[in-house]
C-alpha atoms as a PDB file:
ATOM      1  CA  MET A   1      -1.590   1.952 -34.252  1.00  0.00           C
ATOM      2  CA  ASN A   2      -3.714   2.910 -31.197  1.00  0.00           C
ATOM      3  CA  HIS A   3      -5.067   0.357 -28.833  1.00  0.00           C
ATOM      4  CA  PRO A   4      -8.520   0.899 -27.226  1.00  0.00           C
ATOM      5  CA  ALA A   5      -8.512   1.032 -23.389  1.00  0.00           C
ATOM      6  CA  ARG A   6     -10.685   2.122 -20.540  1.00  0.00           C
ATOM      7  CA  ALA A   7      -9.628   3.976 -17.459  1.00  0.00           C
ATOM      8  CA  PHE A   8     -11.138   4.876 -14.030  1.00  0.00           C
ATOM      9  CA  TRP A   9     -11.196   8.706 -13.319  1.00  0.00           C
ATOM     10  CA  LEU A  10     -12.330  10.648 -10.419  1.00  0.00           C
ATOM     11  CA  ARG A  11     -14.453  13.150 -11.936  1.00  0.00           C
ATOM     12  CA  SER A  12     -14.872  15.228  -8.861  1.00  0.00           C
ATOM     13  CA  PRO A  13     -14.529  14.431  -5.185  1.00  0.00           C
ATOM     14  CA  GLY A  14     -16.574  11.579  -4.368  1.00  0.00           C
ATOM     15  CA  HIS A  15     -17.616  10.704  -7.933  1.00  0.00           C
ATOM     16  CA  GLY A  16     -15.674   8.538 -10.159  1.00  0.00           C
ATOM     17  CA  GLU A  17     -16.361   7.408 -13.751  1.00  0.00           C
ATOM     18  CA  ILE A  18     -14.808   5.048 -16.391  1.00  0.00           C
ATOM     19  CA  ARG A  19     -13.638   6.734 -19.495  1.00  0.00           C
ATOM     20  CA  ASP A  20     -12.679   5.414 -23.036  1.00  0.00           C
ATOM     21  CA  THR A  21      -9.112   6.049 -24.085  1.00  0.00           C
ATOM     22  CA  ALA A  22      -6.571   5.129 -26.692  1.00  0.00           C
ATOM     23  CA  VAL A  23      -3.143   3.920 -25.990  1.00  0.00           C
ATOM     24  CA  PRO A  24      -0.485   4.385 -28.583  1.00  0.00           C
ATOM     25  CA  ALA A  25       1.611   1.517 -29.882  1.00  0.00           C
ATOM     26  CA  PRO A  26       4.782   1.150 -27.637  1.00  0.00           C
ATOM     27  CA  ALA A  27       7.731   3.098 -28.882  1.00  0.00           C
ATOM     28  CA  ASP A  28      11.184   1.728 -28.558  1.00  0.00           C
ATOM     29  CA  GLY A  29      12.216   1.061 -24.853  1.00  0.00           C
ATOM     30  CA  GLU A  30       8.380   0.689 -23.992  1.00  0.00           C
ATOM     31  CA  VAL A  31       6.033  -2.120 -23.296  1.00  0.00           C
ATOM     32  CA  LEU A  32       2.267  -2.458 -23.909  1.00  0.00           C
ATOM     33  CA  VAL A  33       0.558  -4.189 -20.876  1.00  0.00           C
ATOM     34  CA  ARG A  34      -2.756  -5.697 -20.738  1.00  0.00           C
ATOM     35  CA  THR A  35      -4.064  -5.476 -17.169  1.00  0.00           C
ATOM     36  CA  LEU A  36      -4.978  -8.613 -15.070  1.00  0.00           C
ATOM     37  CA  TYR A  37      -5.687  -7.084 -11.716  1.00  0.00           C
ATOM     38  CA  SER A  38      -5.280  -3.901  -9.983  1.00  0.00           C
ATOM     39  CA  GLY A  39      -5.577  -3.007  -6.222  1.00  0.00           C
ATOM     40  CA  VAL A  40      -7.473  -0.226  -4.286  1.00  0.00           C
ATOM     41  CA  SER A  41      -5.265   0.719  -1.386  1.00  0.00           C
ATOM     42  CA  ARG A  42      -8.096   1.829   0.978  1.00  0.00           C
ATOM     43  CA  GLY A  43      -6.275   4.530   2.987  1.00  0.00           C
ATOM     44  CA  THR A  44      -4.576   6.595   0.317  1.00  0.00           C
ATOM     45  CA  GLU A  45      -6.946   5.981  -2.514  1.00  0.00           C
ATOM     46  CA  THR A  46     -10.118   6.774  -0.547  1.00  0.00           C
ATOM     47  CA  LEU A  47      -8.362   9.976   0.723  1.00  0.00           C
ATOM     48  CA  VAL A  48      -7.911  10.929  -2.796  1.00  0.00           C
ATOM     49  CA  PHE A  49     -11.398  10.025  -3.752  1.00  0.00           C
ATOM     50  CA  GLY A  50     -12.697  12.349  -1.061  1.00  0.00           C
ATOM     51  CA  GLY A  51     -10.525  15.245  -2.182  1.00  0.00           C
ATOM     52  CA  GLY A  52      -8.501  15.255   0.924  1.00  0.00           C
ATOM     53  CA  VAL A  53      -4.984  15.761  -0.513  1.00  0.00           C
ATOM     54  CA  PRO A  54      -3.926  19.232   0.878  1.00  0.00           C
ATOM     55  CA  HIS A  55      -2.533  21.738  -1.730  1.00  0.00           C
ATOM     56  CA  SER A  56       0.878  21.732  -0.267  1.00  0.00           C
ATOM     57  CA  GLN A  57       1.148  18.040  -1.052  1.00  0.00           C
ATOM     58  CA  HIS A  58      -0.296  18.002  -4.600  1.00  0.00           C
ATOM     59  CA  ALA A  59       3.142  17.587  -6.117  1.00  0.00           C
ATOM     60  CA  VAL A  60       4.462  15.049  -3.521  1.00  0.00           C
ATOM     61  CA  MET A  61       1.379  12.963  -3.841  1.00  0.00           C
ATOM     62  CA  ARG A  62       1.499  12.497  -7.482  1.00  0.00           C
ATOM     63  CA  ALA A  63       1.441   8.768  -8.559  1.00  0.00           C
ATOM     64  CA  PRO A  64       3.995   7.883 -11.205  1.00  0.00           C
ATOM     65  CA  PHE A  65       1.588   7.538 -14.069  1.00  0.00           C
ATOM     66  CA  GLN A  66      -1.258   9.914 -12.894  1.00  0.00           C
ATOM     67  CA  GLU A  67      -3.088  12.140 -15.262  1.00  0.00           C
ATOM     68  CA  GLY A  68      -4.909  15.258 -14.152  1.00  0.00           C
ATOM     69  CA  ASP A  69      -4.367  17.314 -11.068  1.00  0.00           C
ATOM     70  CA  PHE A  70      -5.743  17.180  -7.354  1.00  0.00           C
ATOM     71  CA  PRO A  71      -8.368  17.306  -6.400  1.00  0.00           C
ATOM     72  CA  ALA A  72     -10.081  16.381  -9.610  1.00  0.00           C
ATOM     73  CA  PRO A  73     -10.467  15.345 -12.490  1.00  0.00           C
ATOM     74  CA  VAL A  74      -7.498  12.796 -11.930  1.00  0.00           C
ATOM     75  CA  LYS A  75      -6.579   9.339 -12.746  1.00  0.00           C
ATOM     76  CA  TYR A  76      -4.957   7.917  -9.885  1.00  0.00           C
ATOM     77  CA  GLY A  77      -3.660   4.610  -8.641  1.00  0.00           C
ATOM     78  CA  TYR A  78      -0.549   2.459  -8.169  1.00  0.00           C
ATOM     79  CA  LEU A  79      -1.114  -1.241  -7.756  1.00  0.00           C
ATOM     80  CA  ASN A  80      -1.358  -2.803 -11.261  1.00  0.00           C
ATOM     81  CA  VAL A  81      -0.429  -6.369 -12.475  1.00  0.00           C
ATOM     82  CA  GLY A  82      -0.610  -7.218 -16.132  1.00  0.00           C
ATOM     83  CA  VAL A  83       0.865  -9.264 -18.978  1.00  0.00           C
ATOM     84  CA  VAL A  84       3.125  -7.683 -21.523  1.00  0.00           C
ATOM     85  CA  GLU A  85       1.608  -7.847 -24.987  1.00  0.00           C
ATOM     86  CA  GLU A  86       4.242  -5.959 -26.972  1.00  0.00           C
ATOM     87  CA  GLY A  87       7.760  -5.010 -26.175  1.00  0.00           C
ATOM     88  CA  PRO A  88      11.046  -6.687 -26.021  1.00  0.00           C
ATOM     89  CA  ALA A  89      11.207 -10.449 -26.508  1.00  0.00           C
ATOM     90  CA  SER A  90      12.577 -10.933 -22.907  1.00  0.00           C
ATOM     91  CA  LEU A  91       9.339  -9.276 -21.570  1.00  0.00           C
ATOM     92  CA  THR A  92       6.626 -10.361 -24.077  1.00  0.00           C
ATOM     93  CA  GLY A  93       4.248 -12.769 -22.375  1.00  0.00           C
ATOM     94  CA  ARG A  94       5.686 -11.953 -18.907  1.00  0.00           C
ATOM     95  CA  THR A  95       3.646 -10.971 -15.901  1.00  0.00           C
ATOM     96  CA  VAL A  96       4.660  -7.625 -14.575  1.00  0.00           C
ATOM     97  CA  PHE A  97       3.838  -5.342 -11.820  1.00  0.00           C
ATOM     98  CA  CYS A  98       3.667  -1.583 -12.435  1.00  0.00           C
ATOM     99  CA  LEU A  99       2.767   1.532 -10.400  1.00  0.00           C
ATOM    100  CA  TYR A 100      -0.076   2.392 -12.828  1.00  0.00           C
ATOM    101  CA  PRO A 101      -3.782   3.419 -12.087  1.00  0.00           C
ATOM    102  CA  HIS A 102      -6.792   1.479 -12.977  1.00  0.00           C
ATOM    103  CA  GLN A 103      -6.847   0.971 -16.642  1.00  0.00           C
ATOM    104  CA  THR A 104      -7.488  -1.967 -19.065  1.00  0.00           C
ATOM    105  CA  ARG A 105      -4.340  -1.512 -21.114  1.00  0.00           C
ATOM    106  CA  TYR A 106      -1.174   0.965 -21.044  1.00  0.00           C
ATOM    107  CA  ALA A 107       2.042   1.555 -22.473  1.00  0.00           C
ATOM    108  CA  VAL A 108       5.053   2.421 -20.212  1.00  0.00           C
ATOM    109  CA  PRO A 109       8.857   2.561 -20.401  1.00  0.00           C
ATOM    110  CA  VAL A 110      10.459  -0.885 -19.737  1.00  0.00           C
ATOM    111  CA  ASN A 111      12.088   0.445 -16.627  1.00  0.00           C
ATOM    112  CA  ALA A 112       8.680   1.185 -15.198  1.00  0.00           C
ATOM    113  CA  VAL A 113       7.757  -2.675 -14.869  1.00  0.00           C
ATOM    114  CA  THR A 114       8.961  -5.382 -12.695  1.00  0.00           C
ATOM    115  CA  VAL A 115       8.659  -9.028 -13.663  1.00  0.00           C
ATOM    116  CA  VAL A 116       6.575 -11.026 -11.086  1.00  0.00           C
ATOM    117  CA  PRO A 117       8.384 -14.127  -9.971  1.00  0.00           C
ATOM    118  CA  ASP A 118       6.954 -17.429 -11.101  1.00  0.00           C
ATOM    119  CA  ARG A 119       6.142 -18.373  -7.664  1.00  0.00           C
ATOM    120  CA  VAL A 120       3.943 -15.320  -6.952  1.00  0.00           C
ATOM    121  CA  PRO A 121       0.299 -15.517  -8.354  1.00  0.00           C
ATOM    122  CA  ALA A 122      -0.672 -12.368 -10.502  1.00  0.00           C
ATOM    123  CA  ALA A 123      -3.701 -12.127  -8.128  1.00  0.00           C
ATOM    124  CA  ARG A 124      -1.252 -11.730  -5.018  1.00  0.00           C
ATOM    125  CA  ALA A 125       1.215  -9.381  -6.891  1.00  0.00           C
ATOM    126  CA  VAL A 126      -1.244  -6.334  -6.433  1.00  0.00           C
ATOM    127  CA  LEU A 127       0.119  -6.205  -2.923  1.00  0.00           C
ATOM    128  CA  ALA A 128       3.645  -5.292  -4.213  1.00  0.00           C
ATOM    129  CA  GLY A 129       3.455  -1.559  -3.802  1.00  0.00           C
ATOM    130  CA  THR A 130       2.224  -1.870  -0.264  1.00  0.00           C
ATOM    131  CA  VAL A 131       4.837  -4.546   0.702  1.00  0.00           C
ATOM    132  CA  GLU A 132       7.453  -2.166  -0.880  1.00  0.00           C
ATOM    133  CA  THR A 133       6.174   0.531   1.600  1.00  0.00           C
ATOM    134  CA  ALA A 134       6.581  -1.955   4.482  1.00  0.00           C
ATOM    135  CA  VAL A 135      10.144  -2.905   3.310  1.00  0.00           C
ATOM    136  CA  ASN A 136      11.070   0.901   3.378  1.00  0.00           C
ATOM    137  CA  ALA A 137       9.459   1.515   6.707  1.00  0.00           C
ATOM    138  CA  LEU A 138      11.490  -1.429   8.219  1.00  0.00           C
ATOM    139  CA  TRP A 139      14.681  -0.115   6.711  1.00  0.00           C
ATOM    140  CA  ASP A 140      13.847   3.187   8.531  1.00  0.00           C
ATOM    141  CA  ALA A 141      12.902   1.395  11.725  1.00  0.00           C
ATOM    142  CA  GLY A 142      15.897  -0.732  12.032  1.00  0.00           C
ATOM    143  CA  PRO A 143      14.363  -3.531  14.411  1.00  0.00           C
ATOM    144  CA  ARG A 144      16.840  -5.608  16.150  1.00  0.00           C
ATOM    145  CA  ILE A 145      16.729  -9.213  17.390  1.00  0.00           C
ATOM    146  CA  GLY A 146      14.868  -9.320  20.846  1.00  0.00           C
ATOM    147  CA  ASP A 147      13.364  -6.059  20.377  1.00  0.00           C
ATOM    148  CA  ARG A 148       9.678  -5.554  21.808  1.00  0.00           C
ATOM    149  CA  VAL A 149       7.620  -4.291  18.843  1.00  0.00           C
ATOM    150  CA  ALA A 150       3.945  -3.189  18.291  1.00  0.00           C
ATOM    151  CA  VAL A 151       2.387  -2.258  15.091  1.00  0.00           C
ATOM    152  CA  VAL A 152      -0.683   0.207  15.822  1.00  0.00           C
ATOM    153  CA  GLY A 153      -3.114   0.192  13.035  1.00  0.00           C
ATOM    154  CA  GLY A 154      -4.110  -2.901  11.287  1.00  0.00           C
ATOM    155  CA  GLY A 155      -4.958  -1.593   7.764  1.00  0.00           C
ATOM    156  CA  MET A 156      -3.156  -2.630   4.616  1.00  0.00           C
ATOM    157  CA  VAL A 157       0.152  -0.935   5.312  1.00  0.00           C
ATOM    158  CA  GLY A 158       0.061  -1.925   9.176  1.00  0.00           C
ATOM    159  CA  CYS A 159      -0.621  -5.507   8.296  1.00  0.00           C
ATOM    160  CA  SER A 160       2.208  -5.694   5.675  1.00  0.00           C
ATOM    161  CA  VAL A 161       4.672  -4.430   8.252  1.00  0.00           C
ATOM    162  CA  ALA A 162       3.401  -6.977  10.763  1.00  0.00           C
ATOM    163  CA  ALA A 163       3.731  -9.674   8.233  1.00  0.00           C
ATOM    164  CA  LEU A 164       7.387  -8.851   7.504  1.00  0.00           C
ATOM    165  CA  LEU A 165       8.216  -8.360  11.149  1.00  0.00           C
ATOM    166  CA  ALA A 166       6.777 -11.945  11.892  1.00  0.00           C
ATOM    167  CA  ARG A 167       9.819 -13.215   9.999  1.00  0.00           C
ATOM    168  CA  PHE A 168      12.434 -11.586  12.484  1.00  0.00           C
ATOM    169  CA  PRO A 169      13.863 -13.756  15.124  1.00  0.00           C
ATOM    170  CA  GLY A 170      13.312 -13.155  18.732  1.00  0.00           C
ATOM    171  CA  LEU A 171      10.871 -10.240  18.646  1.00  0.00           C
ATOM    172  CA  ARG A 172       8.067  -9.679  20.944  1.00  0.00           C
ATOM    173  CA  LEU A 173       5.441  -8.608  18.380  1.00  0.00           C
ATOM    174  CA  GLN A 174       1.912  -7.430  18.619  1.00  0.00           C
ATOM    175  CA  LEU A 175      -0.605  -6.089  15.890  1.00  0.00           C
ATOM    176  CA  VAL A 176      -2.750  -3.521  17.725  1.00  0.00           C
ATOM    177  CA  ASP A 177      -6.168  -2.442  16.321  1.00  0.00           C
ATOM    178  CA  ALA A 178      -9.624  -1.333  17.686  1.00  0.00           C
ATOM    179  CA  ASP A 179     -11.313  -3.353  15.200  1.00  0.00           C
ATOM    180  CA  PRO A 180     -11.617  -6.962  16.620  1.00  0.00           C
ATOM    181  CA  ALA A 181     -12.045  -8.267  13.193  1.00  0.00           C
ATOM    182  CA  ARG A 182      -8.443  -7.608  12.597  1.00  0.00           C
ATOM    183  CA  ARG A 183      -7.712 -10.525  14.993  1.00  0.00           C
ATOM    184  CA  ALA A 184      -8.391 -13.056  12.063  1.00  0.00           C
ATOM    185  CA  THR A 185      -5.803 -11.137   9.800  1.00  0.00           C
ATOM    186  CA  ALA A 186      -3.373 -11.272  12.645  1.00  0.00           C
ATOM    187  CA  ASP A 187      -3.930 -14.981  13.038  1.00  0.00           C
ATOM    188  CA  ALA A 188      -3.569 -15.645   9.452  1.00  0.00           C
ATOM    189  CA  LEU A 189      -0.264 -13.724   9.407  1.00  0.00           C
ATOM    190  CA  GLY A 190       1.122 -15.572  12.444  1.00  0.00           C
ATOM    191  CA  VAL A 191       1.113 -12.333  14.671  1.00  0.00           C
ATOM    192  CA  ASP A 192      -0.238 -11.783  18.268  1.00  0.00           C
ATOM    193  CA  PHE A 193      -3.232  -9.286  18.334  1.00  0.00           C
ATOM    194  CA  ALA A 194      -4.264  -7.034  21.030  1.00  0.00           C
ATOM    195  CA  ALA A 195      -7.042  -4.272  21.349  1.00  0.00           C
ATOM    196  CA  PRO A 196      -5.371  -0.879  22.275  1.00  0.00           C
ATOM    197  CA  GLU A 197      -6.352  -0.968  25.858  1.00  0.00           C
ATOM    198  CA  ASP A 198      -4.762  -4.440  26.246  1.00  0.00           C
ATOM    199  CA  ALA A 199      -1.548  -3.924  24.175  1.00  0.00           C
ATOM    200  CA  LEU A 200       1.757  -4.595  25.978  1.00  0.00           C
ATOM    201  CA  ASP A 201       3.666  -1.621  26.813  1.00  0.00           C
ATOM    202  CA  GLY A 202       7.625  -1.291  27.253  1.00  0.00           C
ATOM    203  CA  CYS A 203       8.155  -1.480  23.477  1.00  0.00           C
ATOM    204  CA  ASP A 204      11.475  -0.507  21.975  1.00  0.00           C
ATOM    205  CA  LEU A 205       9.803   0.217  18.842  1.00  0.00           C
ATOM    206  CA  VAL A 206       6.246   1.090  17.618  1.00  0.00           C
ATOM    207  CA  VAL A 207       5.263   1.254  14.055  1.00  0.00           C
ATOM    208  CA  HIS A 208       2.082   3.547  13.703  1.00  0.00           C
ATOM    209  CA  ALA A 209      -0.174   3.099  10.764  1.00  0.00           C
ATOM    210  CA  SER A 210      -3.721   3.780  11.872  1.00  0.00           C
ATOM    211  CA  ALA A 211      -3.933   7.377  10.532  1.00  0.00           C
ATOM    212  CA  THR A 212      -5.606   8.506  13.755  1.00  0.00           C
ATOM    213  CA  GLU A 213      -4.716  10.905  16.482  1.00  0.00           C
ATOM    214  CA  ARG A 214      -5.795   8.362  19.123  1.00  0.00           C
ATOM    215  CA  GLY A 215      -3.765   5.713  17.532  1.00  0.00           C
ATOM    216  CA  LEU A 216      -0.501   7.894  17.418  1.00  0.00           C
ATOM    217  CA  THR A 217      -1.054   8.904  21.128  1.00  0.00           C
ATOM    218  CA  ARG A 218      -1.284   5.227  21.980  1.00  0.00           C
ATOM    219  CA  ALA A 219       1.767   4.493  19.967  1.00  0.00           C
ATOM    220  CA  LEU A 220       3.597   6.945  22.330  1.00  0.00           C
ATOM    221  CA  GLU A 221       2.111   5.473  25.489  1.00  0.00           C
ATOM    222  CA  LEU A 222       3.419   1.915  24.532  1.00  0.00           C
ATOM    223  CA  LEU A 223       7.117   3.072  24.341  1.00  0.00           C
ATOM    224  CA  ALA A 224       9.772   2.254  26.794  1.00  0.00           C
ATOM    225  CA  PRO A 225      12.252   4.945  27.686  1.00  0.00           C
ATOM    226  CA  GLU A 226      14.234   5.897  24.616  1.00  0.00           C
ATOM    227  CA  GLY A 227      11.731   4.132  22.326  1.00  0.00           C
ATOM    228  CA  THR A 228      10.765   5.302  18.893  1.00  0.00           C
ATOM    229  CA  VAL A 229       7.523   5.429  16.911  1.00  0.00           C
ATOM    230  CA  VAL A 230       7.964   5.300  13.179  1.00  0.00           C
ATOM    231  CA  GLU A 231       5.008   7.106  11.682  1.00  0.00           C
ATOM    232  CA  LEU A 232       3.587   5.641   8.515  1.00  0.00           C
ATOM    233  CA  SER A 233       0.245   7.100   8.496  1.00  0.00           C
ATOM    234  CA  TRP A 234      -0.991   9.722   5.918  1.00  0.00           C
ATOM    235  CA  TYR A 235      -3.265  12.250   7.380  1.00  0.00           C
ATOM    236  CA  GLY A 236      -3.987  14.441   4.186  1.00  0.00           C
ATOM    237  CA  ASP A 237      -5.378  17.666   5.175  1.00  0.00           C
ATOM    238  CA  ARG A 238      -6.231  16.809   8.907  1.00  0.00           C
ATOM    239  CA  ARG A 239      -4.277  18.115  11.745  1.00  0.00           C
ATOM    240  CA  VAL A 240      -3.109  16.003  14.475  1.00  0.00           C
ATOM    241  CA  THR A 241      -2.447  16.950  18.165  1.00  0.00           C
ATOM    242  CA  LEU A 242       0.122  15.101  20.165  1.00  0.00           C
ATOM    243  CA  PRO A 243       0.915  14.826  24.007  1.00  0.00           C
ATOM    244  CA  LEU A 244       4.388  16.219  23.839  1.00  0.00           C
ATOM    245  CA  GLY A 245       4.331  17.298  27.470  1.00  0.00           C
ATOM    246  CA  GLU A 246       3.850  14.665  30.330  1.00  0.00           C
ATOM    247  CA  GLY A 247       6.659  12.218  30.058  1.00  0.00           C
ATOM    248  CA  PHE A 248       7.585  12.686  26.341  1.00  0.00           C
ATOM    249  CA  HIS A 249      10.951  14.645  27.099  1.00  0.00           C
ATOM    250  CA  SER A 250      11.857  12.962  30.259  1.00  0.00           C
ATOM    251  CA  ARG A 251      11.452   9.432  28.585  1.00  0.00           C
ATOM    252  CA  ARG A 252      13.420  10.682  25.627  1.00  0.00           C
ATOM    253  CA  LEU A 253      10.903   9.469  23.053  1.00  0.00           C
ATOM    254  CA  THR A 254      11.323   9.775  19.235  1.00  0.00           C
ATOM    255  CA  VAL A 255       8.681  10.109  16.608  1.00  0.00           C
ATOM    256  CA  ARG A 256      10.225   9.468  13.064  1.00  0.00           C
ATOM    257  CA  SER A 257       8.430   9.774   9.755  1.00  0.00           C
ATOM    258  CA  SER A 258       8.701   7.270   6.929  1.00  0.00           C
ATOM    259  CA  GLN A 259       7.622   7.637   3.394  1.00  0.00           C
ATOM    260  CA  VAL A 260       8.090   5.411   0.417  1.00  0.00           C
ATOM    261  CA  GLY A 261       8.853   8.180  -2.049  1.00  0.00           C
ATOM    262  CA  THR A 262      12.419   8.099  -1.011  1.00  0.00           C
ATOM    263  CA  VAL A 263      14.448   4.980  -0.498  1.00  0.00           C
ATOM    264  CA  SER A 264      15.414   4.783   3.122  1.00  0.00           C
ATOM    265  CA  PRO A 265      18.982   5.673   4.181  1.00  0.00           C
ATOM    266  CA  GLY A 266      18.778   2.578   6.330  1.00  0.00           C
ATOM    267  CA  ALA A 267      19.062   0.425   3.226  1.00  0.00           C
ATOM    268  CA  ARG A 268      22.265  -0.960   2.201  1.00  0.00           C
ATOM    269  CA  PRO A 269      24.142   1.561   0.169  1.00  0.00           C
ATOM    270  CA  GLY A 270      23.430   1.289  -3.623  1.00  0.00           C
ATOM    271  CA  ARG A 271      20.009  -0.044  -3.129  1.00  0.00           C
ATOM    272  CA  GLY A 272      17.593   1.843  -5.434  1.00  0.00           C
ATOM    273  CA  TYR A 273      13.884   1.899  -6.345  1.00  0.00           C
ATOM    274  CA  ALA A 274      14.123  -1.172  -8.515  1.00  0.00           C
ATOM    275  CA  ASP A 275      15.968  -3.229  -6.045  1.00  0.00           C
ATOM    276  CA  ARG A 276      13.292  -2.430  -3.279  1.00  0.00           C
ATOM    277  CA  MET A 277      10.490  -3.349  -5.604  1.00  0.00           C
ATOM    278  CA  ALA A 278      12.089  -6.659  -6.642  1.00  0.00           C
ATOM    279  CA  LEU A 279      12.434  -7.428  -2.942  1.00  0.00           C
ATOM    280  CA  ALA A 280       8.834  -6.662  -2.371  1.00  0.00           C
ATOM    281  CA  LEU A 281       7.871  -9.103  -5.028  1.00  0.00           C
ATOM    282  CA  GLU A 282      10.068 -11.886  -3.711  1.00  0.00           C
ATOM    283  CA  LEU A 283       8.656 -11.434  -0.248  1.00  0.00           C
ATOM    284  CA  LEU A 284       5.149 -12.053  -1.812  1.00  0.00           C
ATOM    285  CA  THR A 285       6.004 -15.871  -2.215  1.00  0.00           C
ATOM    286  CA  ASP A 286       4.264 -16.162   1.222  1.00  0.00           C
ATOM    287  CA  PRO A 287       0.862 -17.377   0.804  1.00  0.00           C
ATOM    288  CA  ALA A 288      -0.178 -15.863   4.268  1.00  0.00           C
ATOM    289  CA  LEU A 289      -0.178 -12.422   2.746  1.00  0.00           C
ATOM    290  CA  ASP A 290      -3.167 -13.308   0.716  1.00  0.00           C
ATOM    291  CA  ALA A 291      -4.978 -12.364   4.066  1.00  0.00           C
ATOM    292  CA  LEU A 292      -4.388  -8.755   2.995  1.00  0.00           C
ATOM    293  CA  ILE A 293      -6.648  -8.991   0.078  1.00  0.00           C
ATOM    294  CA  THR A 294     -10.178  -8.843   1.422  1.00  0.00           C
ATOM    295  CA  GLY A 295     -12.415  -8.562  -1.496  1.00  0.00           C
ATOM    296  CA  GLU A 296     -12.648  -8.475  -5.393  1.00  0.00           C
ATOM    297  CA  SER A 297     -14.952  -6.745  -7.798  1.00  0.00           C
ATOM    298  CA  PRO A 298     -14.963  -6.336 -11.480  1.00  0.00           C
ATOM    299  CA  PHE A 299     -13.359  -3.218 -13.074  1.00  0.00           C
ATOM    300  CA  GLU A 300     -16.678  -1.974 -14.438  1.00  0.00           C
ATOM    301  CA  GLU A 301     -17.908  -1.509 -10.716  1.00  0.00           C
ATOM    302  CA  LEU A 302     -15.172   0.876  -9.600  1.00  0.00           C
ATOM    303  CA  PRO A 303     -17.504   4.093  -9.822  1.00  0.00           C
ATOM    304  CA  ALA A 304     -19.938   2.407  -7.444  1.00  0.00           C
ATOM    305  CA  LEU A 305     -17.443   0.628  -5.294  1.00  0.00           C
ATOM    306  CA  LEU A 306     -15.074   3.510  -4.341  1.00  0.00           C
ATOM    307  CA  PRO A 307     -17.932   5.489  -2.485  1.00  0.00           C
ATOM    308  CA  ARG A 308     -18.621   2.359  -0.587  1.00  0.00           C
ATOM    309  CA  LEU A 309     -15.036   1.865   0.338  1.00  0.00           C
ATOM    310  CA  ALA A 310     -14.594   5.341   1.397  1.00  0.00           C
ATOM    311  CA  SER A 311     -17.744   5.113   3.659  1.00  0.00           C
ATOM    312  CA  GLY A 312     -16.528   1.802   5.239  1.00  0.00           C
ATOM    313  CA  GLU A 313     -19.704   0.159   4.001  1.00  0.00           C
ATOM    314  CA  VAL A 314     -17.216  -2.266   2.167  1.00  0.00           C
ATOM    315  CA  PRO A 315     -14.560  -2.982   4.796  1.00  0.00           C
ATOM    316  CA  ALA A 316     -11.229  -3.706   3.179  1.00  0.00           C
ATOM    317  CA  LEU A 317      -7.560  -3.856   3.531  1.00  0.00           C
ATOM    318  CA  CYS A 318      -6.660  -4.347  -0.132  1.00  0.00           C
ATOM    319  CA  HIS A 319      -9.595  -4.505  -2.595  1.00  0.00           C
ATOM    320  CA  ARG A 320      -8.667  -6.198  -5.741  1.00  0.00           C
ATOM    321  CA  VAL A 321     -10.110  -5.346  -8.990  1.00  0.00           C
ATOM    322  CA  SER A 322     -10.409  -7.840 -11.884  1.00  0.00           C
ATOM    323  CA  TYR A 323     -10.568  -7.073 -15.430  1.00  0.00           C
ATOM    324  CA  GLY A 324     -13.156  -9.211 -17.194  1.00  0.00           C
ATOM    325  CA  GLU A 325     -11.796 -11.953 -19.399  1.00  0.00           C
ATOM    326  CA  ASN A 326      -8.336 -10.666 -18.828  1.00  0.00           C
ATOM    327  CA  SER A 327      -8.303 -12.018 -15.183  1.00  0.00           C
ATOM    328  CA  PRO A 328      -8.722 -15.711 -14.279  1.00  0.00           C
ATOM    329  CA  THR A 329     -11.372 -15.102 -11.534  1.00  0.00           C
ATOM    330  CA  ARG A 330     -13.609 -12.362 -10.384  1.00  0.00           C
ATOM    331  CA  ALA A 331     -16.097 -11.858  -7.704  1.00  0.00           C
ATOM    332  CA  THR A 332     -18.324  -9.184  -6.442  1.00  0.00           C
ATOM    333  CA  PRO A 333     -18.622  -8.223  -2.736  1.00  0.00           C
END
């Protein structure tokens, strides 16, 4: 028996639509999930929405349950929280997180969902995919007690990294962003804020997440000798120029990439993708992370919402999508 559902598709770059679809009854080893909330990660998803994924990265950038191919038509997304309607008795009725696109109902293998802890509200759990990225980044970065650290770029990923770093003892930590409105977010996370021109230099570690050439240049400027920039930004098809002359070599600076598609070798041996996601969800017991959710709209408005997010008309870190009567609350920006 098929179950009716609706899904958001990118019809062509810059143009989305909601399509009717049918979800087959779950097979053995699968669950049927009714979506409560999904989240729009403004950086990556608006880049996809604009058709900015370079051809060389089409395979690398595929979401786990993506349908279609870049640039379009494509069904893309990876922040989904729902309730298991059918499946093993141990999961039926449980709230779960899945790296699934924006769709009202879907069937996936059991091992594709992670149970949301009882202490984590479903509405906050949409952040799990981004907090997982932050966990991996910090495994790559390896901050140590007493380090002088900056996070340059106060978007969804940068703020997630800053929120986790705020728990480390003895750090000198700043969130650096050109938008003064990010100060309120930093305050909610318990993190010092600075504009780029006022940021403290002499950093042992800078995590860069602004996705701008200027931000990456400033990240290098903030380093102490032998310091490291961990690069989290995704630039799509844009080229970036760096000042690798001047003092880059004499100060022995390092630029290191971090990407969530692979579990960091800095993690404890034996840690896998499921362990990383479970940890991200446990970290979401902190209500301060609600500051990363900056708006909410109903699912039906996604075709009109994405262009406004992409243009910056609707400023956002994570914009939450509610699914009608499935979700406890909803509001339109």
